[in-house]
PDB file of N, CA and C in Angstrom:
ATOM      1  N   MET A   1     129.578 140.988 157.111  1.00  0.00           N
ATOM      2  CA  MET A   1     130.315 142.077 157.690  1.00  0.00           C
ATOM      3  C   MET A   1     130.441 141.825 159.183  1.00  0.00           C
ATOM      4  N   LEU A   2     131.577 142.066 159.726  1.00  0.00           N
ATOM      5  CA  LEU A   2     131.819 141.837 161.144  1.00  0.00           C
ATOM      6  C   LEU A   2     131.371 143.040 161.951  1.00  0.00           C
ATOM      7  N   ALA A   3     130.935 142.781 163.163  1.00  0.00           N
ATOM      8  CA  ALA A   3     130.618 143.868 164.086  1.00  0.00           C
ATOM      9  C   ALA A   3     131.920 144.547 164.499  1.00  0.00           C
ATOM     10  N   LEU A   4     131.858 145.813 164.712  1.00  0.00           N
ATOM     11  CA  LEU A   4     133.028 146.587 165.100  1.00  0.00           C
ATOM     12  C   LEU A   4     132.875 147.065 166.525  1.00  0.00           C
ATOM     13  N   ARG A   5     133.975 147.253 167.211  1.00  0.00           N
ATOM     14  CA  ARG A   5     133.941 147.823 168.555  1.00  0.00           C
ATOM     15  C   ARG A   5     134.169 149.318 168.449  1.00  0.00           C
ATOM     16  N   TRP A   6     133.310 150.078 169.100  1.00  0.00           N
ATOM     17  CA  TRP A   6     133.442 151.536 169.185  1.00  0.00           C
ATOM     18  C   TRP A   6     133.223 151.872 170.633  1.00  0.00           C
ATOM     19  N   GLY A   7     134.268 152.225 171.342  1.00  0.00           N
ATOM     20  CA  GLY A   7     134.166 152.366 172.780  1.00  0.00           C
ATOM     21  C   GLY A   7     133.978 150.975 173.382  1.00  0.00           C
ATOM     22  N   ASP A   8     133.021 150.826 174.269  1.00  0.00           N
ATOM     23  CA  ASP A   8     132.750 149.540 174.896  1.00  0.00           C
ATOM     24  C   ASP A   8     131.556 148.824 174.275  1.00  0.00           C
ATOM     25  N   LYS A   9     131.021 149.321 173.180  1.00  0.00           N
ATOM     26  CA  LYS A   9     129.807 148.763 172.594  1.00  0.00           C
ATOM     27  C   LYS A   9     130.092 148.129 171.243  1.00  0.00           C
ATOM     28  N   MET A  10     129.252 147.185 170.867  1.00  0.00           N
ATOM     29  CA  MET A  10     129.331 146.640 169.511  1.00  0.00           C
ATOM     30  C   MET A  10     128.747 147.685 168.572  1.00  0.00           C
ATOM     31  N   SER A  11     129.375 147.890 167.451  1.00  0.00           N
ATOM     32  CA  SER A  11     128.991 148.962 166.547  1.00  0.00           C
ATOM     33  C   SER A  11     128.621 148.430 165.177  1.00  0.00           C
ATOM     34  N   SER A  12     127.901 149.247 164.451  1.00  0.00           N
ATOM     35  CA  SER A  12     127.536 148.958 163.072  1.00  0.00           C
ATOM     36  C   SER A  12     128.068 150.066 162.179  1.00  0.00           C
ATOM     37  N   GLU A  13     128.126 149.764 160.899  1.00  0.00           N
ATOM     38  CA  GLU A  13     128.535 150.764 159.919  1.00  0.00           C
ATOM     39  C   GLU A  13     127.297 151.370 159.272  1.00  0.00           C
ATOM     40  N   TYR A  14     127.382 152.651 158.990  1.00  0.00           N
ATOM     41  CA  TYR A  14     126.288 153.399 158.384  1.00  0.00           C
ATOM     42  C   TYR A  14     126.833 154.255 157.245  1.00  0.00           C
ATOM     43  N   LEU A  15     125.977 154.498 156.257  1.00  0.00           N
ATOM     44  CA  LEU A  15     126.273 155.478 155.225  1.00  0.00           C
ATOM     45  C   LEU A  15     125.442 156.720 155.488  1.00  0.00           C
ATOM     46  N   LEU A  16     126.087 157.869 155.446  1.00  0.00           N
ATOM     47  CA  LEU A  16     125.391 159.154 155.449  1.00  0.00           C
ATOM     48  C   LEU A  16     125.362 159.595 153.994  1.00  0.00           C
ATOM     49  N   LEU A  17     124.177 159.615 153.401  1.00  0.00           N
ATOM     50  CA  LEU A  17     124.024 159.961 151.981  1.00  0.00           C
ATOM     51  C   LEU A  17     123.535 161.398 151.869  1.00  0.00           C
ATOM     52  N   MET A  18     124.370 162.268 151.328  1.00  0.00           N
ATOM     53  CA  MET A  18     124.029 163.670 151.203  1.00  0.00           C
ATOM     54  C   MET A  18     123.238 163.915 149.920  1.00  0.00           C
ATOM     55  N   HIS A  19     122.100 164.616 150.076  1.00  0.00           N
ATOM     56  CA  HIS A  19     121.269 165.000 148.933  1.00  0.00           C
ATOM     57  C   HIS A  19     121.675 166.396 148.457  1.00  0.00           C
ATOM     58  N   ASP A  20     121.215 166.755 147.284  1.00  0.00           N
ATOM     59  CA  ASP A  20     121.608 168.038 146.678  1.00  0.00           C
ATOM     60  C   ASP A  20     120.631 169.166 146.983  1.00  0.00           C
ATOM     61  N   ASP A  21     119.889 169.087 148.098  1.00  0.00           N
ATOM     62  CA  ASP A  21     118.875 170.091 148.395  1.00  0.00           C
ATOM     63  C   ASP A  21     119.289 171.122 149.442  1.00  0.00           C
ATOM     64  N   ALA A  22     120.571 171.220 149.733  1.00  0.00           N
ATOM     65  CA  ALA A  22     121.040 172.213 150.704  1.00  0.00           C
ATOM     66  C   ALA A  22     120.976 173.595 150.088  1.00  0.00           C
ATOM     67  N   SER A  23     120.580 174.561 150.890  1.00  0.00           N
ATOM     68  CA  SER A  23     120.406 175.919 150.379  1.00  0.00           C
ATOM     69  C   SER A  23     121.643 176.792 150.562  1.00  0.00           C
ATOM     70  N   ALA A  24     122.644 176.308 151.246  1.00  0.00           N
ATOM     71  CA  ALA A  24     123.839 177.115 151.499  1.00  0.00           C
ATOM     72  C   ALA A  24     125.031 176.571 150.723  1.00  0.00           C
ATOM     73  N   GLY A  25     126.170 177.224 150.879  1.00  0.00           N
ATOM     74  CA  GLY A  25     127.381 176.844 150.169  1.00  0.00           C
ATOM     75  C   GLY A  25     128.048 175.605 150.723  1.00  0.00           C
ATOM     76  N   GLU A  26     129.326 175.533 150.545  1.00  0.00           N
ATOM     77  CA  GLU A  26     130.102 174.333 150.866  1.00  0.00           C
ATOM     78  C   GLU A  26     130.196 174.019 152.353  1.00  0.00           C
ATOM     79  N   GLY A  27     130.174 175.003 153.212  1.00  0.00           N
ATOM     80  CA  GLY A  27     130.327 174.728 154.636  1.00  0.00           C
ATOM     81  C   GLY A  27     131.753 174.316 154.963  1.00  0.00           C
ATOM     82  N   ASP A  28     131.977 173.943 156.195  1.00  0.00           N
ATOM     83  CA  ASP A  28     133.326 173.602 156.641  1.00  0.00           C
ATOM     84  C   ASP A  28     133.496 172.087 156.727  1.00  0.00           C
ATOM     85  N   TRP A  29     133.736 171.459 155.590  1.00  0.00           N
ATOM     86  CA  TRP A  29     133.903 170.010 155.527  1.00  0.00           C
ATOM     87  C   TRP A  29     135.138 169.555 156.291  1.00  0.00           C
ATOM     88  N   ASP A  30     136.218 170.319 156.238  1.00  0.00           N
ATOM     89  CA  ASP A  30     137.447 169.914 156.930  1.00  0.00           C
ATOM     90  C   ASP A  30     137.217 169.768 158.428  1.00  0.00           C
ATOM     91  N   ALA A  31     136.543 170.739 159.038  1.00  0.00           N
ATOM     92  CA  ALA A  31     136.287 170.677 160.482  1.00  0.00           C
ATOM     93  C   ALA A  31     135.339 169.521 160.811  1.00  0.00           C
ATOM     94  N   TYR A  32     134.318 169.315 159.987  1.00  0.00           N
ATOM     95  CA  TYR A  32     133.368 168.230 160.234  1.00  0.00           C
ATOM     96  C   TYR A  32     134.056 166.869 160.139  1.00  0.00           C
ATOM     97  N   LEU A  33     134.824 166.655 159.086  1.00  0.00           N
ATOM     98  CA  LEU A  33     135.515 165.376 158.915  1.00  0.00           C
ATOM     99  C   LEU A  33     136.558 165.158 160.007  1.00  0.00           C
ATOM    100  N   ALA A  34     137.217 166.225 160.446  1.00  0.00           N
ATOM    101  CA  ALA A  34     138.178 166.116 161.544  1.00  0.00           C
ATOM    102  C   ALA A  34     137.475 165.689 162.829  1.00  0.00           C
ATOM    103  N   ARG A  35     136.279 166.208 163.073  1.00  0.00           N
ATOM    104  CA  ARG A  35     135.519 165.825 164.259  1.00  0.00           C
ATOM    105  C   ARG A  35     135.142 164.347 164.209  1.00  0.00           C
ATOM    106  N   LEU A  36     134.690 163.876 163.037  1.00  0.00           N
ATOM    107  CA  LEU A  36     134.360 162.452 162.891  1.00  0.00           C
ATOM    108  C   LEU A  36     135.600 161.582 163.083  1.00  0.00           C
ATOM    109  N   ARG A  37     136.728 162.033 162.520  1.00  0.00           N
ATOM    110  CA  ARG A  37     137.985 161.292 162.644  1.00  0.00           C
ATOM    111  C   ARG A  37     138.408 161.216 164.112  1.00  0.00           C
ATOM    112  N   GLN A  38     138.321 162.346 164.809  1.00  0.00           N
ATOM    113  CA  GLN A  38     138.722 162.400 166.216  1.00  0.00           C
ATOM    114  C   GLN A  38     137.837 161.486 167.072  1.00  0.00           C
ATOM    115  N   ALA A  39     136.563 161.361 166.719  1.00  0.00           N
ATOM    116  CA  ALA A  39     135.636 160.501 167.459  1.00  0.00           C
ATOM    117  C   ALA A  39     135.830 159.025 167.115  1.00  0.00           C
ATOM    118  N   GLY A  40     136.660 158.730 166.115  1.00  0.00           N
ATOM    119  CA  GLY A  40     136.868 157.357 165.691  1.00  0.00           C
ATOM    120  C   GLY A  40     135.722 156.806 164.868  1.00  0.00           C
ATOM    121  N   ALA A  41     134.880 157.683 164.340  1.00  0.00           N
ATOM    122  CA  ALA A  41     133.687 157.261 163.608  1.00  0.00           C
ATOM    123  C   ALA A  41     133.894 157.212 162.091  1.00  0.00           C
ATOM    124  N   LEU A  42     134.804 157.999 161.576  1.00  0.00           N
ATOM    125  CA  LEU A  42     134.973 158.114 160.121  1.00  0.00           C
ATOM    126  C   LEU A  42     135.606 156.870 159.523  1.00  0.00           C
ATOM    127  N   GLN A  43     134.941 156.296 158.532  1.00  0.00           N
ATOM    128  CA  GLN A  43     135.451 155.120 157.831  1.00  0.00           C
ATOM    129  C   GLN A  43     135.772 155.429 156.365  1.00  0.00           C
ATOM    130  N   GLY A  44     135.375 156.595 155.874  1.00  0.00           N
ATOM    131  CA  GLY A  44     135.643 156.979 154.492  1.00  0.00           C
ATOM    132  C   GLY A  44     134.495 157.788 153.927  1.00  0.00           C
ATOM    133  N   GLY A  45     134.606 158.140 152.660  1.00  0.00           N
ATOM    134  CA  GLY A  45     133.553 158.894 152.008  1.00  0.00           C
ATOM    135  C   GLY A  45     134.065 159.569 150.752  1.00  0.00           C
ATOM    136  N   SER A  46     133.140 160.159 150.029  1.00  0.00           N
ATOM    137  CA  SER A  46     133.497 160.814 148.774  1.00  0.00           C
ATOM    138  C   SER A  46     132.312 161.604 148.257  1.00  0.00           C
ATOM    139  N   SER A  47     132.599 162.554 147.388  1.00  0.00           N
ATOM    140  CA  SER A  47     131.508 163.131 146.610  1.00  0.00           C
ATOM    141  C   SER A  47     131.103 162.092 145.563  1.00  0.00           C
ATOM    142  N   ILE A  48     129.933 162.255 144.987  1.00  0.00           N
ATOM    143  CA  ILE A  48     129.439 161.318 143.980  1.00  0.00           C
ATOM    144  C   ILE A  48     129.211 162.091 142.686  1.00  0.00           C
ATOM    145  N   GLY A  49     129.857 161.666 141.629  1.00  0.00           N
ATOM    146  CA  GLY A  49     129.730 162.326 140.333  1.00  0.00           C
ATOM    147  C   GLY A  49     128.672 161.680 139.461  1.00  0.00           C
ATOM    148  N   PRO A  50     128.654 162.066 138.198  1.00  0.00           N
ATOM    149  CA  PRO A  50     127.686 161.487 137.263  1.00  0.00           C
ATOM    150  C   PRO A  50     127.950 159.990 137.069  1.00  0.00           C
ATOM    151  N   GLY A  51     126.939 159.284 136.641  1.00  0.00           N
ATOM    152  CA  GLY A  51     127.100 157.852 136.446  1.00  0.00           C
ATOM    153  C   GLY A  51     126.088 157.305 135.455  1.00  0.00           C
ATOM    154  N   ARG A  52     126.019 156.011 135.372  1.00  0.00           N
ATOM    155  CA  ARG A  52     125.095 155.313 134.483  1.00  0.00           C
ATOM    156  C   ARG A  52     124.448 154.166 135.235  1.00  0.00           C
ATOM    157  N   SER A  53     123.255 153.784 134.806  1.00  0.00           N
ATOM    158  CA  SER A  53     122.555 152.624 135.376  1.00  0.00           C
ATOM    159  C   SER A  53     122.534 151.519 134.337  1.00  0.00           C
ATOM    160  N   TYR A  54     122.675 150.292 134.780  1.00  0.00           N
ATOM    161  CA  TYR A  54     122.670 149.137 133.885  1.00  0.00           C
ATOM    162  C   TYR A  54     121.708 148.084 134.412  1.00  0.00           C
ATOM    163  N   ARG A  55     121.090 147.394 133.498  1.00  0.00           N
ATOM    164  CA  ARG A  55     120.223 146.268 133.813  1.00  0.00           C
ATOM    165  C   ARG A  55     120.371 145.270 132.689  1.00  0.00           C
ATOM    166  N   LYS A  56     120.519 144.017 133.011  1.00  0.00           N
ATOM    167  CA  LYS A  56     120.848 143.002 132.019  1.00  0.00           C
ATOM    168  C   LYS A  56     119.780 142.817 130.952  1.00  0.00           C
ATOM    169  N   ASP A  57     118.519 142.645 131.339  1.00  0.00           N
ATOM    170  CA  ASP A  57     117.487 142.235 130.387  1.00  0.00           C
ATOM    171  C   ASP A  57     116.435 143.287 130.062  1.00  0.00           C
ATOM    172  N   ALA A  58     116.609 144.511 130.519  1.00  0.00           N
ATOM    173  CA  ALA A  58     115.606 145.548 130.246  1.00  0.00           C
ATOM    174  C   ALA A  58     116.268 146.914 130.397  1.00  0.00           C
ATOM    175  N   ALA A  59     115.512 147.934 130.042  1.00  0.00           N
ATOM    176  CA  ALA A  59     116.023 149.293 130.215  1.00  0.00           C
ATOM    177  C   ALA A  59     116.153 149.592 131.701  1.00  0.00           C
ATOM    178  N   ALA A  60     117.252 150.153 132.088  1.00  0.00           N
ATOM    179  CA  ALA A  60     117.501 150.477 133.495  1.00  0.00           C
ATOM    180  C   ALA A  60     116.879 151.816 133.848  1.00  0.00           C
ATOM    181  N   ALA A  61     116.504 151.956 135.104  1.00  0.00           N
ATOM    182  CA  ALA A  61     116.058 153.258 135.599  1.00  0.00           C
ATOM    183  C   ALA A  61     117.249 154.214 135.598  1.00  0.00           C
ATOM    184  N   GLY A  62     116.967 155.494 135.595  1.00  0.00           N
ATOM    185  CA  GLY A  62     118.033 156.485 135.616  1.00  0.00           C
ATOM    186  C   GLY A  62     118.798 156.468 136.927  1.00  0.00           C
ATOM    187  N   VAL A  63     119.954 157.095 136.929  1.00  0.00           N
ATOM    188  CA  VAL A  63     120.744 157.183 138.157  1.00  0.00           C
ATOM    189  C   VAL A  63     120.023 158.066 139.173  1.00  0.00           C
ATOM    190  N   THR A  64     120.345 157.871 140.420  1.00  0.00           N
ATOM    191  CA  THR A  64     119.772 158.684 141.488  1.00  0.00           C
ATOM    192  C   THR A  64     120.565 159.986 141.547  1.00  0.00           C
ATOM    193  N   ALA A  65     120.101 160.969 140.811  1.00  0.00           N
ATOM    194  CA  ALA A  65     120.872 162.194 140.604  1.00  0.00           C
ATOM    195  C   ALA A  65     120.919 163.110 141.825  1.00  0.00           C
ATOM    196  N   HIS A  66     120.007 162.966 142.764  1.00  0.00           N
ATOM    197  CA  HIS A  66     119.984 163.886 143.910  1.00  0.00           C
ATOM    198  C   HIS A  66     120.997 163.516 144.995  1.00  0.00           C
ATOM    199  N   LEU A  67     121.708 162.393 144.854  1.00  0.00           N
ATOM    200  CA  LEU A  67     122.762 162.038 145.800  1.00  0.00           C
ATOM    201  C   LEU A  67     124.076 162.633 145.326  1.00  0.00           C
ATOM    202  N   VAL A  68     124.713 163.410 146.193  1.00  0.00           N
ATOM    203  CA  VAL A  68     125.931 164.107 145.784  1.00  0.00           C
ATOM    204  C   VAL A  68     127.164 163.710 146.584  1.00  0.00           C
ATOM    205  N   GLY A  69     126.975 162.886 147.614  1.00  0.00           N
ATOM    206  CA  GLY A  69     128.122 162.451 148.394  1.00  0.00           C
ATOM    207  C   GLY A  69     127.717 161.471 149.474  1.00  0.00           C
ATOM    208  N   TYR A  70     128.726 160.792 150.017  1.00  0.00           N
ATOM    209  CA  TYR A  70     128.471 159.861 151.113  1.00  0.00           C
ATOM    210  C   TYR A  70     129.630 159.892 152.086  1.00  0.00           C
ATOM    211  N   ILE A  71     129.317 159.526 153.323  1.00  0.00           N
ATOM    212  CA  ILE A  71     130.326 159.333 154.357  1.00  0.00           C
ATOM    213  C   ILE A  71     129.989 158.015 155.033  1.00  0.00           C
ATOM    214  N   LYS A  72     130.975 157.159 155.192  1.00  0.00           N
ATOM    215  CA  LYS A  72     130.801 155.895 155.900  1.00  0.00           C
ATOM    216  C   LYS A  72     131.297 156.097 157.322  1.00  0.00           C
ATOM    217  N   VAL A  73     130.428 155.776 158.298  1.00  0.00           N
ATOM    218  CA  VAL A  73     130.766 155.953 159.704  1.00  0.00           C
ATOM    219  C   VAL A  73     130.485 154.668 160.470  1.00  0.00           C
ATOM    220  N   VAL A  74     131.054 154.570 161.656  1.00  0.00           N
ATOM    221  CA  VAL A  74     130.744 153.497 162.591  1.00  0.00           C
ATOM    222  C   VAL A  74     130.072 154.152 163.792  1.00  0.00           C
ATOM    223  N   ALA A  75     128.983 153.515 164.256  1.00  0.00           N
ATOM    224  CA  ALA A  75     128.235 154.046 165.395  1.00  0.00           C
ATOM    225  C   ALA A  75     127.584 152.881 166.129  1.00  0.00           C
ATOM    226  N   ASP A  76     127.201 153.112 167.370  1.00  0.00           N
ATOM    227  CA  ASP A  76     126.621 152.028 168.157  1.00  0.00           C
ATOM    228  C   ASP A  76     125.112 151.917 168.000  1.00  0.00           C
ATOM    229  N   GLY A  77     124.543 152.558 167.010  1.00  0.00           N
ATOM    230  CA  GLY A  77     123.120 152.461 166.707  1.00  0.00           C
ATOM    231  C   GLY A  77     122.688 153.625 165.835  1.00  0.00           C
ATOM    232  N   ALA A  78     121.448 153.553 165.362  1.00  0.00           N
ATOM    233  CA  ALA A  78     120.943 154.587 164.461  1.00  0.00           C
ATOM    234  C   ALA A  78     120.909 155.962 165.123  1.00  0.00           C
ATOM    235  N   ASP A  79     120.557 156.021 166.405  1.00  0.00           N
ATOM    236  CA  ASP A  79     120.540 157.307 167.102  1.00  0.00           C
ATOM    237  C   ASP A  79     121.943 157.896 167.214  1.00  0.00           C
ATOM    238  N   SER A  80     122.919 157.046 167.466  1.00  0.00           N
ATOM    239  CA  SER A  80     124.314 157.519 167.535  1.00  0.00           C
ATOM    240  C   SER A  80     124.787 157.990 166.168  1.00  0.00           C
ATOM    241  N   ALA A  81     124.374 157.296 165.108  1.00  0.00           N
ATOM    242  CA  ALA A  81     124.721 157.735 163.754  1.00  0.00           C
ATOM    243  C   ALA A  81     124.089 159.093 163.467  1.00  0.00           C
ATOM    244  N   ALA A  82     122.835 159.277 163.883  1.00  0.00           N
ATOM    245  CA  ALA A  82     122.159 160.561 163.669  1.00  0.00           C
ATOM    246  C   ALA A  82     122.848 161.680 164.444  1.00  0.00           C
ATOM    247  N   ALA A  83     123.380 161.369 165.614  1.00  0.00           N
ATOM    248  CA  ALA A  83     124.093 162.390 166.396  1.00  0.00           C
ATOM    249  C   ALA A  83     125.339 162.881 165.663  1.00  0.00           C
ATOM    250  N   LEU A  84     125.884 162.055 164.769  1.00  0.00           N
ATOM    251  CA  LEU A  84     127.067 162.450 163.997  1.00  0.00           C
ATOM    252  C   LEU A  84     126.751 163.485 162.918  1.00  0.00           C
ATOM    253  N   LEU A  85     125.474 163.802 162.724  1.00  0.00           N
ATOM    254  CA  LEU A  85     125.096 164.819 161.732  1.00  0.00           C
ATOM    255  C   LEU A  85     125.453 166.231 162.180  1.00  0.00           C
ATOM    256  N   GLU A  86     125.631 166.431 163.484  1.00  0.00           N
ATOM    257  CA  GLU A  86     125.972 167.765 163.965  1.00  0.00           C
ATOM    258  C   GLU A  86     127.240 168.258 163.282  1.00  0.00           C
ATOM    259  N   GLY A  87     127.152 169.413 162.637  1.00  0.00           N
ATOM    260  CA  GLY A  87     128.284 169.982 161.922  1.00  0.00           C
ATOM    261  C   GLY A  87     128.371 169.581 160.462  1.00  0.00           C
ATOM    262  N   ASN A  88     127.572 168.593 160.025  1.00  0.00           N
ATOM    263  CA  ASN A  88     127.584 168.202 158.607  1.00  0.00           C
ATOM    264  C   ASN A  88     127.102 169.394 157.785  1.00  0.00           C
ATOM    265  N   PRO A  89     127.908 169.895 156.842  1.00  0.00           N
ATOM    266  CA  PRO A  89     127.537 171.094 156.108  1.00  0.00           C
ATOM    267  C   PRO A  89     126.200 171.001 155.362  1.00  0.00           C
ATOM    268  N   VAL A  90     125.870 169.851 154.814  1.00  0.00           N
ATOM    269  CA  VAL A  90     124.581 169.706 154.133  1.00  0.00           C
ATOM    270  C   VAL A  90     123.452 169.798 155.148  1.00  0.00           C
ATOM    271  N   TYR A  91     123.554 169.050 156.225  1.00  0.00           N
ATOM    272  CA  TYR A  91     122.533 169.039 157.273  1.00  0.00           C
ATOM    273  C   TYR A  91     122.375 170.429 157.893  1.00  0.00           C
ATOM    274  N   GLU A  92     123.490 171.066 158.221  1.00  0.00           N
ATOM    275  CA  GLU A  92     123.450 172.383 158.857  1.00  0.00           C
ATOM    276  C   GLU A  92     122.862 173.453 157.941  1.00  0.00           C
ATOM    277  N   ALA A  93     122.949 173.249 156.617  1.00  0.00           N
ATOM    278  CA  ALA A  93     122.390 174.202 155.653  1.00  0.00           C
ATOM    279  C   ALA A  93     120.914 173.918 155.367  1.00  0.00           C
ATOM    280  N   GLY A  94     120.334 172.942 156.073  1.00  0.00           N
ATOM    281  CA  GLY A  94     118.922 172.629 155.870  1.00  0.00           C
ATOM    282  C   GLY A  94     118.673 171.549 154.844  1.00  0.00           C
ATOM    283  N   GLY A  95     119.734 170.928 154.346  1.00  0.00           N
ATOM    284  CA  GLY A  95     119.598 169.874 153.351  1.00  0.00           C
ATOM    285  C   GLY A  95     119.336 168.518 153.985  1.00  0.00           C
ATOM    286  N   THR A  96     119.072 167.542 153.139  1.00  0.00           N
ATOM    287  CA  THR A  96     118.745 166.196 153.564  1.00  0.00           C
ATOM    288  C   THR A  96     119.988 165.326 153.617  1.00  0.00           C
ATOM    289  N   VAL A  97     120.126 164.581 154.711  1.00  0.00           N
ATOM    290  CA  VAL A  97     121.142 163.550 154.820  1.00  0.00           C
ATOM    291  C   VAL A  97     120.418 162.269 155.205  1.00  0.00           C
ATOM    292  N   GLU A  98     120.496 161.287 154.352  1.00  0.00           N
ATOM    293  CA  GLU A  98     119.857 159.989 154.571  1.00  0.00           C
ATOM    294  C   GLU A  98     120.851 159.076 155.289  1.00  0.00           C
ATOM    295  N   ILE A  99     120.403 158.382 156.314  1.00  0.00           N
ATOM    296  CA  ILE A  99     121.276 157.445 157.035  1.00  0.00           C
ATOM    297  C   ILE A  99     120.808 156.033 156.746  1.00  0.00           C
ATOM    298  N   ARG A 100     121.738 155.210 156.250  1.00  0.00           N
ATOM    299  CA  ARG A 100     121.417 153.815 155.926  1.00  0.00           C
ATOM    300  C   ARG A 100     122.409 152.900 156.620  1.00  0.00           C
ATOM    301  N   GLU A 101     121.885 151.895 157.328  1.00  0.00           N
ATOM    302  CA  GLU A 101     122.743 150.927 157.988  1.00  0.00           C
ATOM    303  C   GLU A 101     123.271 149.924 156.957  1.00  0.00           C
ATOM    304  N   LEU A 102     124.525 149.549 157.097  1.00  0.00           N
ATOM    305  CA  LEU A 102     125.104 148.505 156.258  1.00  0.00           C
ATOM    306  C   LEU A 102     124.929 147.190 157.009  1.00  0.00           C
ATOM    307  N   PRO A 103     124.070 146.301 156.511  1.00  0.00           N
ATOM    308  CA  PRO A 103     123.771 145.065 157.230  1.00  0.00           C
ATOM    309  C   PRO A 103     124.990 144.172 157.385  1.00  0.00           C
ATOM    310  N   ARG A 104     124.983 143.390 158.407  1.00  0.00           N
ATOM    311  CA  ARG A 104     126.063 142.432 158.678  1.00  0.00           C
ATOM    312  C   ARG A 104     125.696 141.090 158.062  1.00  0.00           C
ATOM    313  N   ASP A 105     125.762 140.986 156.752  1.00  0.00           N
ATOM    314  CA  ASP A 105     125.412 139.706 156.133  1.00  0.00           C
ATOM    315  C   ASP A 105     126.541 139.049 155.425  1.00  0.00           C
TER     316      ASP A 105
END
Protein backbone atom coordinates (compact mmCIF):
# COMPACT_ATOMS: atom_id res chain seq x y z
CA MET A 1 0.00 0.00 0.00
CA LEU A 2 1.35 3.42 -0.87
CA ALA A 3 1.64 6.23 1.63
CA LEU A 4 -0.88 8.98 1.07
CA ARG A 5 -0.48 12.72 1.44
CA TRP A 6 -2.91 14.44 3.80
CA GLY A 7 -2.06 18.08 4.16
CA ASP A 8 1.74 18.34 4.30
CA LYS A 9 2.29 15.00 6.07
CA MET A 10 2.61 11.41 4.94
CA SER A 11 -0.56 9.60 5.92
CA SER A 12 -1.74 6.10 6.62
CA GLU A 13 -5.09 4.43 6.17
CA TYR A 14 -7.11 3.25 9.15
CA LEU A 15 -10.30 1.31 9.70
CA LEU A 16 -12.77 2.52 12.31
CA LEU A 17 -14.62 -0.65 13.34
CA MET A 18 -17.93 0.04 15.05
CA HIS A 19 -19.09 -2.43 17.71
CA ASP A 20 -22.72 -3.12 18.58
CA ASP A 21 -22.49 -1.91 22.20
CA ALA A 22 -23.81 1.64 21.76
CA SER A 23 -26.66 2.48 24.08
CA ALA A 24 -28.31 5.14 21.91
CA GLY A 25 -30.05 5.20 18.54
CA GLU A 26 -28.72 5.88 15.08
CA GLY A 27 -27.25 9.33 15.68
CA ASP A 28 -26.47 11.74 12.87
CA TRP A 29 -24.40 9.69 10.42
CA ASP A 30 -24.93 12.15 7.57
CA ALA A 31 -23.35 15.04 9.49
CA TYR A 32 -20.47 12.86 10.73
CA LEU A 33 -19.66 11.48 7.28
CA ALA A 34 -19.92 14.98 5.78
CA ARG A 35 -17.37 16.21 8.33
CA LEU A 36 -14.97 13.39 7.44
CA ARG A 37 -15.50 14.08 3.73
CA GLN A 38 -14.88 17.81 4.20
CA ALA A 39 -11.64 17.05 6.10
CA GLY A 40 -10.49 14.84 3.21
CA ALA A 41 -10.28 11.85 5.56
CA LEU A 42 -13.14 9.66 4.34
CA GLN A 43 -12.09 6.78 2.09
CA GLY A 44 -15.28 4.67 2.32
CA GLY A 45 -17.25 2.48 4.67
CA SER A 46 -20.34 0.40 5.16
CA SER A 47 -22.51 -1.34 7.67
CA ILE A 48 -21.63 -5.01 8.13
CA GLY A 49 -24.33 -7.65 7.82
CA PRO A 50 -24.44 -11.33 8.67
CA GLY A 51 -21.76 -13.58 7.24
CA ARG A 52 -20.00 -16.92 7.39
CA SER A 53 -16.51 -18.08 8.37
CA TYR A 54 -14.54 -20.58 6.32
CA ARG A 55 -11.42 -22.59 6.98
CA LYS A 56 -9.96 -25.09 4.54
CA ASP A 57 -8.93 -28.00 6.78
CA ALA A 58 -10.92 -27.60 10.01
CA ALA A 59 -14.04 -26.11 11.50
CA ALA A 60 -13.90 -22.33 11.34
CA ALA A 61 -14.52 -20.04 14.27
CA GLY A 62 -17.78 -18.12 14.19
CA VAL A 63 -18.06 -14.70 12.61
CA THR A 64 -17.24 -11.66 14.70
CA ALA A 65 -20.85 -10.72 15.36
CA HIS A 66 -20.22 -7.61 17.48
CA LEU A 67 -18.85 -5.64 14.48
CA VAL A 68 -21.65 -3.74 12.79
CA GLY A 69 -19.85 -1.30 10.51
CA TYR A 70 -16.60 0.20 9.35
CA ILE A 71 -15.25 3.46 8.01
CA LYS A 72 -11.95 3.70 6.15
CA VAL A 73 -10.11 6.96 6.80
CA VAL A 74 -6.73 8.52 6.05
CA ALA A 75 -4.86 10.20 8.90
CA ASP A 76 -1.31 11.23 9.72
CA GLY A 77 -1.09 8.86 12.70
CA ALA A 78 -3.08 6.92 15.26
CA ASP A 79 -3.77 10.02 17.36
CA SER A 80 -5.10 11.86 14.31
CA ALA A 81 -7.29 8.85 13.48
CA ALA A 82 -8.62 8.87 17.05
CA ALA A 83 -9.43 12.58 16.73
CA LEU A 84 -11.75 11.65 13.85
CA LEU A 85 -14.01 9.85 16.35
CA GLU A 86 -15.55 13.16 17.41
CA GLY A 87 -19.16 13.08 16.21
CA ASN A 88 -19.14 9.33 15.41
CA PRO A 89 -22.64 8.24 16.49
CA VAL A 90 -21.44 4.95 18.02
CA TYR A 91 -18.61 6.64 19.93
CA GLU A 92 -20.80 9.56 21.05
CA ALA A 93 -23.43 7.09 22.36
CA GLY A 94 -20.81 5.43 24.58
CA GLY A 95 -20.13 2.51 22.24
CA THR A 96 -16.81 1.04 21.18
CA VAL A 97 -14.99 2.02 18.02
CA GLU A 98 -11.83 0.04 17.32
CA ILE A 99 -9.13 1.73 15.23
CA ARG A 100 -6.87 -0.49 13.14
CA GLU A 101 -4.06 0.71 10.90
CA LEU A 102 -3.87 -0.79 7.41
CA PRO A 103 -0.19 -1.71 7.00
CA ARG A 104 1.77 -0.59 3.96
CA ASP A 105 2.89 -4.00 2.77
